[in-house]
C-alpha cells in the first residue's frame, strides 16, 4: 500500500471513530426524564413496574392491581406539586394471557 493510501485509510478510520464517539455522547436523558426518574424512585408500589419514560418526562408504568395504580398516581401527583410539571403518567395493564 502506498503512503497516500495508508493516510486515506487512517483518515476514514478517524472519521468513523469520531462519529461513533459523538453518537455515544448524544445518548443522555433530558432534564424532564431525570425529573421523572427521580419522582418514580419515590413512588414504588407492589405489583407496579416502570415501563418507560418518554423524552418529555411522561412516565408509563405497568400495574397488576387497581390499588397499586392509584397509589402510584397519587404519589406522582403529590411529587409534582413541588416542582416543574410533567405530562400525566400513564398506567397500563400487562398483556393478558391466552
Protein backbone atom coordinates (compact mmCIF):
# COMPACT_ATOMS: atom_id res chain seq x y z
CA UNK A 1 0.00 0.00 0.00
CA UNK A 2 1.29 3.46 -0.76
CA UNK A 3 1.76 6.18 1.79
CA UNK A 4 -1.18 8.15 0.36
CA UNK A 5 -3.49 5.11 0.52
CA UNK A 6 -2.43 4.44 4.11
CA UNK A 7 -3.25 8.04 5.10
CA UNK A 8 -6.67 7.82 3.45
CA UNK A 9 -7.46 4.63 5.35
CA UNK A 10 -6.41 6.21 8.62
CA UNK A 11 -8.47 9.30 7.82
CA UNK A 12 -11.62 7.22 7.27
CA UNK A 13 -10.99 5.27 10.46
CA UNK A 14 -10.56 8.52 12.37
CA UNK A 15 -13.82 9.90 10.94
CA UNK A 16 -15.68 6.69 11.82
CA UNK A 17 -14.29 6.69 15.37
CA UNK A 18 -15.20 10.34 15.84
CA UNK A 19 -18.74 9.75 14.57
CA UNK A 20 -19.14 6.82 16.95
CA UNK A 21 -17.84 8.87 19.87
CA UNK A 22 -20.13 11.81 19.14
CA UNK A 23 -23.11 9.48 18.74
CA UNK A 24 -22.44 7.97 22.15
CA UNK A 25 -22.26 11.45 23.69
CA UNK A 26 -25.73 12.25 22.37
CA UNK A 27 -27.27 9.41 24.39
CA UNK A 28 -28.31 11.17 27.58
CA UNK A 29 -31.51 11.83 29.46
CA UNK A 30 -33.41 15.07 29.05
CA UNK A 31 -33.94 17.18 32.19
CA UNK A 32 -37.60 16.09 32.12
CA UNK A 33 -36.56 12.43 32.09
CA UNK A 34 -34.20 12.95 35.02
CA UNK A 35 -37.01 14.60 36.97
CA UNK A 36 -39.42 11.78 36.09
CA UNK A 37 -36.94 9.11 37.19
CA UNK A 38 -36.38 10.95 40.49
CA UNK A 39 -40.13 11.10 41.12
CA UNK A 40 -40.58 7.45 40.16
CA UNK A 41 -37.89 6.44 42.67
CA UNK A 42 -40.08 7.88 45.44
CA UNK A 43 -43.31 6.25 44.26
CA UNK A 44 -42.90 2.50 44.22
CA UNK A 45 -45.85 0.22 44.92
CA UNK A 46 -46.42 -3.54 44.95
CA UNK A 47 -47.11 -5.13 41.56
CA UNK A 48 -46.17 -1.94 39.68
CA UNK A 49 -43.17 -1.58 37.36
CA UNK A 50 -41.76 1.21 35.24
CA UNK A 51 -42.16 0.59 31.53
CA UNK A 52 -40.58 3.75 30.09
CA UNK A 53 -40.01 7.47 30.49
CA UNK A 54 -40.56 9.49 27.31
CA UNK A 55 -38.35 12.41 26.27
CA UNK A 56 -40.94 14.88 27.62
CA UNK A 57 -40.92 13.15 31.04
CA UNK A 58 -44.16 11.17 30.65
CA UNK A 59 -43.99 8.08 32.87
CA UNK A 60 -45.59 4.89 31.58
CA UNK A 61 -45.88 2.08 34.08
CA UNK A 62 -47.43 -1.37 34.24
CA UNK A 63 -49.75 -2.33 37.08
CA UNK A 64 -51.50 -5.52 38.14
CA UNK A 65 -53.90 -4.14 40.73
CA UNK A 66 -56.04 -1.01 40.74
CA UNK A 67 -54.80 -0.24 44.23
CA UNK A 68 -51.20 -0.18 43.03
CA UNK A 69 -52.13 2.05 40.11
CA UNK A 70 -53.95 4.51 42.35
CA UNK A 71 -51.08 4.59 44.86
CA UNK A 72 -48.55 5.43 42.16
CA UNK A 73 -50.77 8.05 40.52
CA UNK A 74 -51.40 9.72 43.88
CA UNK A 75 -47.71 9.69 44.81
CA UNK A 76 -46.66 11.13 41.44
CA UNK A 77 -49.33 13.84 41.72
CA UNK A 78 -48.02 14.82 45.17
CA UNK A 79 -44.43 14.83 43.92
CA UNK A 80 -45.47 17.08 41.03
CA UNK A 81 -46.86 19.77 43.30
CA UNK A 82 -43.40 20.92 44.40
CA UNK A 83 -41.57 21.07 41.09
CA UNK A 84 -41.93 21.63 37.39
CA UNK A 85 -44.95 19.95 35.80
CA UNK A 86 -44.62 16.79 33.74
CA UNK A 87 -47.18 15.17 31.43
CA UNK A 88 -49.78 12.97 33.10
CA UNK A 89 -48.41 9.49 33.89
CA UNK A 90 -49.97 6.57 32.10
CA UNK A 91 -50.70 3.23 33.75
CA UNK A 92 -51.15 0.20 31.50
CA UNK A 93 -52.12 -3.34 32.36
CA UNK A 94 -49.78 -6.14 31.31
CA UNK A 95 -50.94 -8.08 28.25
CA UNK A 96 -53.33 -10.82 29.22
CA UNK A 97 -52.55 -14.45 28.55
CA UNK A 98 -54.25 -16.77 26.07
